[in-house]
Protein backbone atom coordinates (compact mmCIF):
# COMPACT_ATOMS: atom_id res chain seq x y z
CA MET A 1 -32.72 7.48 39.65
CA HIS A 2 -33.19 4.81 42.38
CA ALA A 3 -36.56 4.79 44.24
CA ALA A 4 -34.94 5.25 47.71
CA HIS A 5 -32.94 8.21 46.45
CA LEU A 6 -36.06 9.71 44.89
CA ARG A 7 -37.97 9.33 48.19
CA ARG A 8 -35.15 11.09 50.09
CA ARG A 9 -35.20 14.02 47.63
CA GLN A 10 -39.00 14.31 47.93
CA ALA A 11 -38.75 14.32 51.76
CA LYS A 12 -36.10 17.07 51.65
CA LEU A 13 -38.29 19.11 49.30
CA SER A 14 -41.34 18.73 51.60
CA THR A 15 -39.30 19.79 54.67
CA SER A 16 -37.98 22.83 52.82
CA LEU A 17 -41.45 23.86 51.70
CA ALA A 18 -42.90 23.52 55.22
CA ARG A 19 -40.03 25.54 56.71
CA ASN A 20 -40.82 28.34 54.31
CA ASN A 21 -44.61 28.10 54.72
CA LEU A 22 -45.06 27.12 51.10
CA PRO A 23 -47.76 24.73 49.89
CA PRO A 24 -46.63 21.37 48.56
CA PRO A 25 -46.42 21.12 44.79
CA ARG A 26 -49.51 19.83 43.10
CA ARG A 27 -49.40 17.22 40.42
CA PRO A 28 -49.78 19.13 37.18
CA THR A 29 -52.86 18.62 35.14
CA PHE A 30 -52.98 19.24 31.40
CA SER A 31 -55.75 19.77 28.98
CA PRO A 32 -55.56 17.70 25.79
CA ALA A 33 -54.11 20.75 24.02
CA GLY A 34 -51.56 21.19 26.82
CA ARG A 35 -50.51 17.55 26.57
CA ARG A 36 -50.04 17.91 22.83
CA TRP A 37 -47.90 21.04 23.34
CA THR A 38 -45.78 19.28 25.99
CA LEU A 39 -45.24 16.32 23.67
CA LEU A 40 -44.37 18.63 20.78
CA SER A 41 -41.85 20.53 22.94
CA ALA A 42 -40.23 17.30 24.05
CA LEU A 43 -39.93 16.09 20.47
CA LEU A 44 -38.42 19.44 19.43
CA ILE A 45 -35.82 19.29 22.21
CA PHE A 46 -35.00 15.70 21.23
CA ALA A 47 -34.59 16.72 17.58
CA VAL A 48 -32.20 19.56 18.52
CA LEU A 49 -30.10 17.24 20.71
CA LEU A 50 -30.07 14.60 17.97
CA ALA A 51 -28.94 17.18 15.38
CA GLN A 52 -26.13 18.32 17.67
CA HIS A 53 -25.14 14.70 18.20
CA ARG A 54 -25.07 14.01 14.48
CA LYS A 55 -23.22 17.26 13.77
CA ARG A 56 -20.25 15.90 15.68
CA GLY A 57 -20.50 12.57 13.91
CA GLY A 58 -22.25 10.90 16.82
CA LEU A 59 -19.53 11.99 19.26
CA PRO A 60 -19.93 13.74 22.60
CA ASP A 61 -18.33 17.12 23.27
CA VAL A 62 -15.37 15.44 24.99
CA TYR A 63 -14.08 12.18 23.55
CA GLY A 64 -10.91 10.26 22.87
CA ILE A 65 -9.48 8.42 19.89
CA CYS A 66 -7.04 5.64 20.72
CA SER A 67 -4.82 3.32 18.72
CA ALA A 68 -3.80 0.13 20.49
CA GLU A 69 -0.84 0.05 18.08
CA GLY A 70 0.29 3.57 18.94
CA ARG A 71 -0.48 4.98 15.49
CA VAL A 72 -1.41 8.52 16.54
CA TRP A 73 1.33 10.62 14.89
CA THR A 74 1.84 13.96 16.64
CA VAL A 75 4.49 15.58 14.36
CA ALA A 76 5.54 17.35 17.55
CA GLU A 77 9.16 17.74 18.54
CA GLY A 78 10.32 14.91 20.79
CA GLU A 79 6.99 13.06 20.85
CA GLY A 80 6.70 11.06 17.64
CA ARG A 81 3.53 9.09 18.22
CA VAL A 82 1.19 8.20 21.07
CA GLU A 83 -1.74 5.90 21.70
CA CYS A 84 -4.49 8.45 22.35
CA VAL A 85 -5.67 11.95 21.63
CA VAL A 86 -8.49 13.58 23.64
CA VAL A 87 -10.78 16.20 22.10
CA GLY A 88 -12.70 18.79 24.07
CA GLY A 89 -14.96 20.90 21.88
CA LYS A 90 -12.76 22.14 19.01
CA GLU A 91 -9.40 21.61 20.69
CA ILE A 92 -7.01 18.90 21.76
CA VAL A 93 -7.16 18.62 25.54
CA GLY A 94 -5.10 15.49 26.13
CA LEU A 95 -2.45 13.21 24.63
CA GLY A 96 -0.72 10.09 25.89
CA GLY A 97 -0.90 6.36 26.49
CA ARG A 98 -4.19 4.57 27.11
CA ASP A 99 -3.46 3.95 30.80
CA GLU A 100 -2.55 7.60 31.30
CA ILE A 101 -5.70 8.79 29.54
CA ASP A 102 -7.92 6.35 31.47
CA ALA A 103 -6.48 7.61 34.76
CA GLN A 104 -6.81 11.29 33.83
CA TRP A 105 -10.20 11.01 32.07
CA PRO A 106 -12.34 8.38 33.84
CA ASN A 107 -15.51 7.39 31.96
CA LEU A 108 -14.23 9.10 28.80
CA HIS A 109 -16.01 8.10 25.59
CA ILE A 110 -13.25 6.51 23.48
CA ARG A 111 -13.37 5.57 19.82
CA PRO A 112 -10.72 2.94 19.05
CA LEU A 113 -8.98 3.12 15.69
CA HIS A 114 -9.42 0.04 13.55
CA PRO A 115 -6.39 -2.29 13.47
CA GLY A 116 -3.76 -0.90 11.09
CA ALA A 117 -5.40 2.55 10.86
CA ALA A 118 -3.49 5.69 11.77
CA LEU A 119 -4.31 9.26 12.79
CA TYR A 120 -2.26 12.33 11.80
CA PRO A 121 -2.55 16.09 12.17
CA GLY A 122 -4.94 17.27 9.46
CA PHE A 123 -3.23 17.37 6.06
CA VAL A 124 -3.02 20.75 4.31
CA ASP A 125 -2.26 21.53 0.66
CA ALA A 126 0.18 24.46 0.74
CA HIS A 127 -0.42 25.62 -2.84
CA ALA A 128 -3.60 25.26 -4.88
CA HIS A 129 -6.35 27.15 -6.67
CA VAL A 130 -9.67 26.57 -4.96
CA LEU A 131 -12.19 28.13 -7.34
CA ALA A 132 -10.20 27.21 -10.46
CA TYR A 133 -10.35 23.54 -9.46
CA GLY A 134 -14.12 23.59 -9.02
CA LYS A 135 -14.53 25.35 -12.33
CA ALA A 136 -12.19 22.98 -14.15
CA GLN A 137 -14.28 19.95 -13.23
CA SER A 138 -17.08 21.18 -15.50
CA LEU A 139 -15.00 20.47 -18.62
CA SER A 140 -11.79 18.68 -17.72
CA LEU A 141 -9.35 17.87 -20.51
CA GLU A 142 -6.87 16.14 -18.23
CA GLY A 143 -5.38 13.02 -19.76
CA CYS A 144 -6.30 13.80 -23.38
CA SER A 145 -3.65 12.26 -25.63
CA SER A 146 -4.66 13.97 -28.87
CA VAL A 147 -6.48 16.95 -30.32
CA SER A 148 -9.26 14.63 -31.53
CA GLU A 149 -9.83 13.48 -27.94
CA VAL A 150 -10.19 17.09 -26.85
CA VAL A 151 -12.71 17.67 -29.63
CA ASP A 152 -14.65 14.57 -28.56
CA ARG A 153 -14.88 15.85 -24.98
CA LEU A 154 -16.07 19.22 -26.23
CA ARG A 155 -18.79 17.57 -28.30
CA THR A 156 -19.95 15.52 -25.31
CA TYR A 157 -20.01 18.61 -23.11
CA ILE A 158 -22.04 20.65 -25.60
CA LEU A 159 -24.54 17.90 -26.39
CA ALA A 160 -25.15 17.28 -22.67
CA ASP A 161 -26.66 20.77 -22.33
CA PRO A 162 -29.53 21.48 -24.77
CA SER A 163 -29.44 25.22 -24.06
CA LEU A 164 -25.71 25.32 -24.86
CA THR A 165 -26.22 23.17 -27.96
CA SER A 166 -28.64 25.70 -29.39
CA ASP A 167 -26.78 28.84 -28.27
CA ARG A 168 -23.56 29.33 -30.21
CA THR A 169 -22.84 32.68 -28.55
CA ARG A 170 -22.13 31.23 -25.10
CA TRP A 171 -18.50 31.00 -24.07
CA ILE A 172 -17.16 27.51 -23.48
CA GLU A 173 -14.30 27.14 -21.01
CA GLY A 174 -12.29 24.03 -20.26
CA ALA A 175 -8.94 23.19 -18.72
CA GLY A 176 -6.26 20.53 -18.49
CA TRP A 177 -4.85 19.93 -22.00
CA ASP A 178 -1.14 19.21 -22.29
CA GLN A 179 0.55 19.20 -25.68
CA THR A 180 3.41 17.06 -24.35
CA ARG A 181 0.91 14.17 -24.39
CA PHE A 182 0.06 14.74 -28.07
CA THR A 183 1.80 13.13 -31.05
CA PRO A 184 3.68 15.14 -32.14
CA PRO A 185 4.02 17.16 -28.88
CA ALA A 186 3.29 20.51 -30.53
CA PHE A 187 0.94 23.34 -29.60
CA PRO A 188 -2.56 22.90 -31.11
CA THR A 189 -4.25 25.51 -33.30
CA ALA A 190 -7.45 27.54 -33.35
CA ASP A 191 -8.58 25.90 -36.59
CA GLU A 192 -8.69 22.54 -34.85
CA LEU A 193 -11.38 23.97 -32.57
CA ALA A 194 -13.52 24.69 -35.63
CA SER A 195 -12.91 21.40 -37.43
CA ASP A 196 -16.15 19.89 -36.13
CA PRO A 197 -19.45 21.49 -37.26
CA LEU A 198 -20.78 21.41 -33.67
CA LEU A 199 -17.80 23.51 -32.50
CA ALA A 200 -17.50 25.88 -35.44
CA GLY A 201 -18.45 29.48 -34.73
CA ARG A 202 -18.35 29.12 -30.94
CA PRO A 203 -16.11 31.17 -28.59
CA ILE A 204 -13.97 28.53 -26.89
CA VAL A 205 -11.12 29.03 -24.39
CA LEU A 206 -9.22 25.99 -23.15
CA THR A 207 -6.57 26.56 -20.49
CA ARG A 208 -3.40 24.49 -20.52
CA ILE A 209 -2.85 22.21 -17.53
CA ASP A 210 -0.26 24.62 -16.05
CA VAL A 211 -2.73 27.55 -16.33
CA HIS A 212 -0.07 29.55 -18.19
CA ALA A 213 -1.38 29.18 -21.74
CA SER A 214 -4.75 29.10 -23.44
CA TRP A 215 -5.90 27.50 -26.67
CA VAL A 216 -8.69 29.50 -28.26
CA SER A 217 -11.07 29.11 -31.17
CA PRO A 218 -11.26 31.31 -34.29
CA ARG A 219 -14.44 32.90 -32.94
CA ALA A 220 -12.68 33.79 -29.66
CA LEU A 221 -9.84 35.42 -31.63
CA GLU A 222 -12.40 37.30 -33.69
CA ILE A 223 -14.07 38.68 -30.55
CA ALA A 224 -10.65 39.73 -29.20
CA GLY A 225 -10.22 41.96 -32.25
CA SER A 226 -6.92 43.20 -33.62
CA LEU A 227 -4.02 41.67 -31.71
CA PRO A 228 -0.87 43.61 -30.84
CA GLU A 229 2.45 42.55 -32.33
CA THR A 230 3.88 41.76 -28.90
CA VAL A 231 2.65 41.49 -25.32
CA GLU A 232 4.85 42.39 -22.37
CA GLY A 233 5.16 39.34 -20.16
CA GLY A 234 3.35 37.16 -22.66
CA LEU A 235 3.48 35.55 -26.08
CA ILE A 236 1.11 35.26 -29.02
CA VAL A 237 2.19 32.07 -30.75
CA ARG A 238 2.34 32.69 -34.50
CA ASP A 239 2.91 30.58 -37.60
CA GLU A 240 5.57 31.13 -40.24
CA SER A 241 3.42 33.78 -41.92
CA GLY A 242 3.01 35.73 -38.69
CA GLN A 243 -0.62 34.78 -38.09
CA ALA A 244 -1.79 33.96 -34.55
CA THR A 245 -2.17 30.19 -34.28
CA GLY A 246 -4.63 30.21 -31.39
CA VAL A 247 -2.28 29.67 -28.43
CA LEU A 248 -1.70 32.57 -26.04
CA VAL A 249 0.93 32.34 -23.30
CA ASP A 250 0.90 34.09 -19.89
CA ASN A 251 -0.05 37.79 -20.13
CA ALA A 252 -1.27 37.32 -23.71
CA MET A 253 -4.08 35.15 -22.36
CA GLU A 254 -5.82 38.32 -21.19
CA LEU A 255 -6.40 39.41 -24.79
CA VAL A 256 -9.26 36.89 -24.93
CA SER A 257 -10.11 36.25 -21.27
CA ARG A 258 -11.11 39.89 -20.70
CA HIS A 259 -14.10 39.29 -22.99
CA ILE A 260 -15.49 36.35 -21.00
CA PRO A 261 -18.45 37.31 -18.76
CA PRO A 262 -17.34 37.77 -15.11
CA THR A 263 -17.82 34.97 -12.61
CA THR A 264 -20.89 35.33 -10.38
CA ASP A 265 -20.98 34.51 -6.66
CA ALA A 266 -23.46 31.73 -7.41
CA GLN A 267 -20.86 30.15 -9.69
CA ARG A 268 -18.15 30.71 -7.09
CA LEU A 269 -20.23 28.92 -4.48
CA ALA A 270 -20.74 25.93 -6.77
CA TYR A 271 -16.99 25.80 -7.49
CA LEU A 272 -16.17 26.11 -3.77
CA GLN A 273 -18.55 23.34 -2.78
CA ARG A 274 -17.14 20.97 -5.40
CA THR A 275 -13.56 21.69 -4.31
CA THR A 276 -14.13 21.40 -0.57
CA GLN A 277 -16.08 18.17 -0.98
CA ASP A 278 -13.21 16.63 -2.97
CA MET A 279 -10.68 17.94 -0.44
CA LEU A 280 -12.49 16.43 2.54
CA GLU A 281 -12.94 13.09 0.78
CA ARG A 282 -9.18 13.02 0.25
CA GLY A 283 -8.32 13.84 3.84
CA LEU A 284 -7.42 17.52 3.45
CA VAL A 285 -8.52 19.89 6.22
CA GLY A 286 -6.99 23.04 4.74
CA VAL A 287 -5.48 24.72 1.71
CA HIS A 288 -3.41 27.74 0.76
CA ASP A 289 -5.15 29.42 -2.19
CA ALA A 290 -2.35 30.73 -4.38
CA ALA A 291 -4.25 33.40 -6.32
CA ALA A 292 -7.49 35.03 -5.15
CA THR A 293 -8.74 38.29 -6.63
CA PRO A 294 -10.24 40.95 -4.33
CA GLU A 295 -13.66 39.82 -5.59
CA ASP A 296 -12.83 36.22 -4.69
CA LEU A 297 -11.75 37.30 -1.20
CA ARG A 298 -15.01 39.16 -0.59
CA PHE A 299 -16.86 36.00 -1.65
CA PHE A 300 -14.73 33.81 0.65
CA LYS A 301 -15.51 36.08 3.61
CA LYS A 302 -19.23 35.88 2.89
CA ALA A 303 -19.09 32.11 2.41
CA ALA A 304 -17.14 31.63 5.64
CA GLY A 305 -19.55 33.83 7.58
CA GLU A 306 -22.51 31.82 6.28
CA GLY A 307 -20.95 28.47 7.15
CA HIS A 308 -20.03 27.43 3.60
CA LEU A 309 -16.31 27.00 4.29
CA PRO A 310 -15.81 23.64 6.01
CA ILE A 311 -12.02 23.68 5.52
CA LYS A 312 -9.31 26.10 6.72
CA LEU A 313 -8.43 28.54 3.93
CA TYR A 314 -5.26 30.66 3.80
CA ALA A 315 -5.74 32.99 0.83
CA MET A 316 -3.18 35.00 -1.14
CA VAL A 317 -4.49 38.11 -2.85
CA ASP A 318 -3.60 38.36 -6.55
CA CYS A 319 -3.71 41.79 -8.18
CA GLY A 320 -1.00 41.01 -10.70
CA MET A 321 1.74 43.64 -10.65
CA ARG A 322 -0.55 46.16 -8.98
CA PHE A 323 -0.43 47.08 -5.28
CA CYS A 324 -4.05 46.80 -4.14
CA ARG A 325 -3.94 46.87 -0.34
CA ASP A 326 -6.83 49.35 -0.22
CA GLU A 327 -9.07 46.76 -1.93
CA VAL A 328 -8.26 43.95 0.50
CA GLU A 329 -9.45 43.39 4.05
CA ARG A 330 -6.84 41.64 6.16
CA LEU A 331 -8.39 38.75 8.06
CA ASP A 332 -6.66 36.68 10.73
CA GLY A 333 -8.60 33.55 11.64
CA TYR A 334 -11.97 34.91 10.51
CA ALA A 335 -15.05 32.70 11.07
CA ASP A 336 -13.46 30.86 13.99
CA GLY A 337 -10.21 30.23 12.18
CA HIS A 338 -11.57 29.19 8.79
CA LEU A 339 -10.31 32.13 6.71
CA THR A 340 -7.05 34.07 6.85
CA VAL A 341 -6.01 36.79 4.39
CA ARG A 342 -2.56 38.22 5.05
CA ALA A 343 -0.49 37.29 1.99
CA ALA A 344 0.01 38.65 -1.52
CA LYS A 345 0.80 36.57 -4.60
CA ILE A 346 3.12 37.82 -7.34
CA PHE A 347 3.55 35.95 -10.62
CA THR A 348 7.14 36.33 -11.81
CA ASP A 349 7.30 34.01 -14.82
CA GLY A 350 5.43 31.30 -16.69
CA ALA A 351 5.72 27.50 -16.66
CA LEU A 352 8.22 24.98 -17.99
CA GLY A 353 5.74 23.00 -20.06
CA SER A 354 4.82 26.01 -22.21
CA TRP A 355 8.43 27.30 -22.39
CA GLY A 356 7.37 30.26 -20.25
CA ALA A 357 9.62 29.67 -17.23
CA ALA A 358 12.23 32.47 -17.26
CA LEU A 359 15.78 31.05 -17.58
CA HIS A 360 19.21 32.64 -17.39
CA GLU A 361 20.23 30.77 -20.55
CA PRO A 362 18.18 29.61 -23.57
CA TYR A 363 16.06 26.48 -23.43
CA SER A 364 17.99 23.40 -24.49
CA ASP A 365 15.14 22.24 -26.77
CA LYS A 366 14.12 25.74 -27.94
CA PRO A 367 17.25 27.89 -28.12
CA ASP A 368 15.42 30.90 -29.54
CA THR A 369 13.84 31.68 -26.15
CA ARG A 370 14.74 32.07 -22.48
CA GLY A 371 11.11 32.11 -21.34
CA ILE A 372 9.03 35.00 -20.01
CA LEU A 373 9.31 37.40 -17.10
CA LYS A 374 5.78 38.71 -16.58
CA ALA A 375 7.01 42.25 -15.89
CA PRO A 376 10.26 44.21 -16.25
CA GLU A 377 12.86 42.93 -13.81
CA GLU A 378 13.08 46.25 -11.99
CA ALA A 379 9.32 46.24 -11.20
CA PHE A 380 9.38 43.37 -8.70
CA GLY A 381 11.48 44.93 -5.94
CA PRO A 382 9.25 47.98 -5.32
CA LEU A 383 6.07 45.85 -5.36
CA VAL A 384 7.49 43.37 -2.85
CA GLN A 385 8.55 46.28 -0.65
CA GLN A 386 5.06 47.81 -0.71
CA TRP A 387 3.41 44.59 0.41
CA VAL A 388 6.01 43.96 3.14
CA ASP A 389 5.60 47.53 4.41
CA ALA A 390 1.84 46.88 4.56
CA GLY A 391 2.42 43.91 6.85
CA PHE A 392 1.66 41.24 4.26
CA GLN A 393 3.58 38.08 3.53
CA VAL A 394 4.74 37.97 -0.11
CA ASN A 395 4.53 34.67 -2.01
CA ALA A 396 6.20 34.90 -5.40
CA HIS A 397 5.74 32.37 -8.20
CA GLY A 398 9.20 31.27 -9.30
CA ILE A 399 9.77 28.41 -11.74
CA GLY A 400 12.73 29.30 -13.95
CA ASP A 401 16.18 29.98 -12.49
CA LYS A 402 16.14 33.57 -13.78
CA ALA A 403 12.76 34.20 -12.16
CA ASN A 404 13.98 32.81 -8.85
CA THR A 405 17.05 35.06 -8.95
CA VAL A 406 14.80 38.08 -9.55
CA VAL A 407 12.53 37.04 -6.66
CA LEU A 408 15.40 36.51 -4.23
CA ASP A 409 16.95 39.86 -5.19
CA ALA A 410 13.63 41.56 -4.35
CA PHE A 411 13.24 39.57 -1.13
CA ALA A 412 16.80 40.34 0.00
CA ALA A 413 16.23 44.07 -0.48
CA ALA A 414 12.94 43.96 1.46
CA LEU A 415 14.51 42.01 4.33
CA ARG A 416 17.39 44.48 4.54
CA SER A 417 14.90 47.32 4.86
CA ILE A 418 13.23 45.81 7.93
CA GLY A 419 16.34 44.48 9.62
CA ASP A 420 16.09 41.17 11.43
CA PRO A 421 12.64 40.97 13.04
CA PRO A 422 12.29 38.36 15.78
CA GLY A 423 10.04 35.30 15.76
CA ALA A 424 6.48 35.82 14.62
CA ASN A 425 7.24 39.28 13.22
CA THR A 426 9.30 37.92 10.35
CA PRO A 427 7.42 38.28 7.04
CA ARG A 428 8.09 34.60 6.20
CA LEU A 429 8.55 35.33 2.51
CA ARG A 430 7.79 32.41 0.21
CA VAL A 431 8.82 31.26 -3.25
CA GLU A 432 5.97 29.27 -4.76
CA HIS A 433 7.40 26.31 -6.73
CA ALA A 434 11.14 27.15 -6.35
CA GLN A 435 11.41 24.75 -9.24
CA ILE A 436 14.70 25.51 -11.01
CA LEU A 437 17.49 27.17 -9.03
CA THR A 438 21.14 28.01 -9.47
CA PRO A 439 23.46 26.63 -6.75
CA GLN A 440 23.97 30.19 -5.50
CA ASP A 441 20.23 30.77 -5.13
CA VAL A 442 19.74 27.50 -3.26
CA GLU A 443 22.18 28.82 -0.68
CA ARG A 444 20.49 32.24 -0.64
CA LEU A 445 17.11 30.69 0.12
CA GLY A 446 18.53 29.24 3.31
CA GLU A 447 20.50 32.34 4.25
CA LEU A 448 17.48 34.62 3.83
CA GLY A 449 15.10 32.27 5.64
CA VAL A 450 12.81 32.16 2.60
CA ILE A 451 10.25 29.34 2.49
CA ALA A 452 10.19 27.10 -0.60
CA SER A 453 6.61 25.95 -1.25
CA VAL A 454 7.06 22.98 -3.59
CA GLN A 455 4.79 20.54 -5.39
CA PRO A 456 6.22 17.00 -5.55
CA THR A 457 3.80 15.80 -8.24
CA HIS A 458 5.10 18.56 -10.53
CA ALA A 459 8.39 16.69 -10.55
CA THR A 460 6.79 13.36 -11.40
CA SER A 461 4.66 14.96 -14.13
CA ASP A 462 7.48 17.03 -15.64
CA MET A 463 10.25 14.41 -15.40
CA TRP A 464 9.44 13.02 -18.85
CA TYR A 465 10.45 16.26 -20.60
CA ALA A 466 12.18 18.50 -18.02
CA GLU A 467 15.72 17.40 -18.81
CA GLU A 468 15.07 17.90 -22.52
CA ARG A 469 14.03 21.48 -21.72
CA LEU A 470 16.93 22.21 -19.35
CA GLY A 471 19.85 19.98 -20.29
CA PRO A 472 21.96 17.67 -18.10
CA GLU A 473 23.61 20.35 -15.94
CA ARG A 474 20.75 22.76 -15.27
CA ILE A 475 18.45 19.88 -14.30
CA LYS A 476 20.58 19.25 -11.21
CA GLY A 477 19.14 22.38 -9.63
CA ALA A 478 15.55 21.46 -10.50
CA TYR A 479 13.05 19.89 -8.07
CA ALA A 480 16.02 19.58 -5.69
CA TRP A 481 14.21 19.01 -2.39
CA ARG A 482 17.01 17.24 -0.54
CA THR A 483 19.45 19.97 -1.54
CA LEU A 484 17.05 22.61 -0.25
CA LEU A 485 16.67 20.83 3.09
CA LYS A 486 20.45 20.59 3.43
CA ASN A 487 20.49 24.38 3.14
CA SER A 488 17.94 24.71 5.99
CA VAL A 489 15.06 25.70 3.72
CA ARG A 490 11.54 24.94 4.99
CA LEU A 491 9.44 22.87 2.57
CA PRO A 492 5.65 23.00 2.78
CA LEU A 493 4.16 20.66 0.17
CA GLY A 494 1.22 21.15 -2.17
CA THR A 495 -0.27 20.02 -5.47
CA ASP A 496 -1.17 23.23 -7.34
CA PHE A 497 -4.55 21.66 -8.06
CA PRO A 498 -6.14 21.72 -10.64
CA VAL A 499 -2.71 21.60 -12.32
CA GLU A 500 -2.22 18.30 -10.51
CA ARG A 501 -4.84 16.10 -8.90
CA ILE A 502 -6.05 16.80 -5.38
CA GLY A 503 -4.49 14.21 -3.13
CA LEU A 504 -2.29 13.96 -0.07
CA LEU A 505 -1.42 10.37 -0.97
CA GLU A 506 -0.18 11.33 -4.44
CA THR A 507 1.93 14.08 -2.88
CA PHE A 508 3.30 11.74 -0.21
CA HIS A 509 4.11 9.04 -2.78
CA ALA A 510 5.87 11.43 -5.17
CA SER A 511 7.86 12.91 -2.27
CA ILE A 512 9.30 9.64 -1.01
CA THR A 513 9.71 7.82 -4.37
CA ARG A 514 10.01 10.38 -7.20
CA LEU A 515 8.06 7.88 -9.25
CA SER A 516 4.87 8.23 -11.30
CA PRO A 517 1.65 6.68 -9.93
CA SER A 518 2.48 3.62 -12.05
CA SER A 519 5.90 3.39 -10.29
CA THR A 520 7.91 4.42 -13.34
CA SER A 521 10.44 7.15 -14.08
CA PRO A 522 13.01 8.03 -16.75
CA HIS A 523 15.63 6.62 -14.38
CA GLY A 524 13.82 3.37 -13.61
CA PRO A 525 12.19 2.01 -10.44
CA SER A 526 14.56 3.78 -8.04
CA GLY A 527 13.00 7.11 -9.00
CA TRP A 528 13.98 10.21 -10.93
CA TYR A 529 17.15 11.62 -9.36
CA PRO A 530 16.44 9.52 -6.25
CA ALA A 531 19.03 11.35 -4.13
CA GLN A 532 16.50 14.22 -3.93
CA ARG A 533 13.75 12.10 -2.32
CA LEU A 534 12.25 13.05 1.02
CA THR A 535 12.00 10.70 3.98
CA HIS A 536 8.58 9.64 5.25
CA ALA A 537 8.94 11.96 8.24
CA GLU A 538 9.90 14.92 6.03
CA ALA A 539 6.94 14.30 3.74
CA LEU A 540 4.55 14.06 6.70
CA ARG A 541 5.92 17.29 8.16
CA GLY A 542 5.62 18.93 4.72
CA LEU A 543 1.89 18.17 4.69
CA THR A 544 1.18 19.25 8.26
CA LEU A 545 3.49 21.44 10.34
CA GLU A 546 5.31 23.15 7.45
CA PRO A 547 2.11 24.51 5.85
CA ALA A 548 1.05 25.72 9.30
CA TYR A 549 4.35 27.58 9.74
CA ALA A 550 4.09 29.04 6.23
CA ALA A 551 0.64 30.41 7.20
CA PHE A 552 1.69 31.75 10.65
CA ALA A 553 -0.51 29.07 12.24
CA GLU A 554 1.97 26.69 13.86
CA ASN A 555 0.66 27.58 17.33
CA VAL A 556 -2.89 26.69 16.31
CA THR A 557 -2.60 23.68 14.03
CA GLY A 558 -0.10 21.51 12.13
CA SER A 559 0.76 19.10 14.96
CA LEU A 560 -1.03 17.35 17.80
CA ARG A 561 -0.43 19.38 20.95
CA VAL A 562 -2.71 20.24 23.85
CA GLY A 563 -4.42 23.55 23.09
CA LYS A 564 -4.22 23.22 19.32
CA ARG A 565 -7.26 22.74 17.09
CA ALA A 566 -8.56 19.20 16.72
CA ASP A 567 -7.94 18.84 12.97
CA PHE A 568 -7.13 15.24 12.02
CA THR A 569 -6.78 12.93 9.05
CA VAL A 570 -7.41 9.22 9.66
CA LEU A 571 -6.18 6.67 7.10
CA GLU A 572 -7.12 2.99 6.95
CA ARG A 573 -3.43 2.07 6.80
CA ASP A 574 -0.34 3.83 8.09
CA VAL A 575 1.54 5.53 5.23
CA MET A 576 4.56 5.84 7.49
CA GLU A 577 4.98 2.06 7.47
CA VAL A 578 3.31 0.54 4.37
CA GLU A 579 5.44 -0.41 1.39
CA GLU A 580 6.08 2.51 -0.96
CA GLU A 581 4.23 0.86 -3.83
CA GLU A 582 1.14 0.52 -1.61
CA VAL A 583 0.86 4.18 -0.56
CA LEU A 584 -1.54 5.08 -3.36
CA ASP A 585 -3.84 2.19 -2.37
CA VAL A 586 -4.39 3.57 1.14
CA LYS A 587 -7.89 4.92 1.76
CA VAL A 588 -9.00 7.92 3.80
CA ARG A 589 -11.19 6.77 6.68
CA ALA A 590 -12.16 10.11 8.23
CA THR A 591 -11.49 13.82 8.04
CA VAL A 592 -11.97 15.78 11.26
CA VAL A 593 -12.12 19.59 11.46
CA ASP A 594 -12.46 21.36 14.81
CA GLY A 595 -13.20 18.06 16.52
CA ARG A 596 -16.09 17.24 14.18
CA VAL A 597 -16.12 14.43 11.63
CA VAL A 598 -16.80 16.21 8.35
CA TRP A 599 -16.17 13.23 6.09
CA GLY A 600 -16.14 9.48 6.68
CA ALA A 601 -16.40 7.87 10.11
CA LEU A 602 -14.13 7.02 13.01
């Protein structure tokens, strides 16, 4: 404050005091203790202000981010991209060119994007398994090319924990093996998990990468006790003599898993923290959890309320084929928008890699089976109807063409029962995966307004064996994204992590190229069935606005519009313009949730 201005204020104060017959203020005097207290108070206030400053990543409450190159992608109809976005608190309060923003917001604190960098609406994974991912990182078997490599990883895991080394009664759980990588590509056996003296006698359960089969040890089978001859909705793999080999598919997995000690909330918190940290590092601001038990949901609510949920979580309750509405609390934007529970997950069939996807006709490479429906066909319709009547979205797992027909039959019946609700009242039914479809069902998806939640990296992982499983004709209806779009089907994109790696860039790359990360495919460098590729704009929409729509959140997030939440992903290079082969080399610069930098730096 200037001295002249200070003198004028002091004169005004003196005049006011005299007018009111009040004595002039005396200069305060402090004892040594008083001075210490004043200094301590000042330091405390400074510390609080500094913490608030750091909490926002060193940003004020209102600030702008500008790209001189116009690389702020809005994903909003008719806008494309702009130069600047303005944040006020947790929301977007302004968008436009730099001159426009300077005129409307004088003296605004602006962070310029680095040359070549780009800002997008926050990326969201529309199908994943949050706690399963965190758990799987403890003992990951991803990439193992042989049984011996799996055994080596098990040995390393056991020897790294002295208490586990000495305690042979503790259950060991791992995930990520894939027999299609083995030579020969055959299911492994229980005996192979007892071939090493360090492993022998231990209860071991290793989940296949698709989470639809488990490979268990002899001790785990022994604990399970006498096995039934058959399992509805599942398969006990047996040898020529009829003995269980140690691989259990779909519902048969429960024969062993029911004996594993239940997960504690302390374990859940550790899994959640690992997953959210990896998500934020990879530029993801939100995720749709595709299978959460009622116990998981209660944990998520507690974690969100205590500030342990830094991302936006849209959770689907999974009670199998049981209607459990009375065990589930519906939540819409709980904890300031960080947790929503208003969807139910139904598993219809298994997965292609373990021959569990339910097909209309036998597998081309295994003609003795058509896969597995996880419940009698007639059970799905009534369950879907119950959830729809309860006001819940229904998201049904559908991989095989038979499973997708069963799902669409159930959905069609439920939609007929409620008529044609307008706008936001539609249940927005979803098929998770929509992987293999008949031509008739592709058309039905569009006619019914059903959302197809697809995972592009499933295509680039499965392409090496999918046609062998399905044959040259049936494969034409598999992973057919362009065909779905032509039939007006909405396509939110996800990874299904931990089945695939967490990563928006991997998803984006697979979407626009249909190539592996090493730029290969069974059809060469143009991609696997390249006519089904997505454009850059479609892939970007599939990672932003489409997941928002699929979660009833398109008015809150998913695009950059004034009034929406300030959730952003900033990349060091613009994936909308770099060469396709360079997409996977792009780095995440910052992840912003509710206007706050939660990873990286602007």
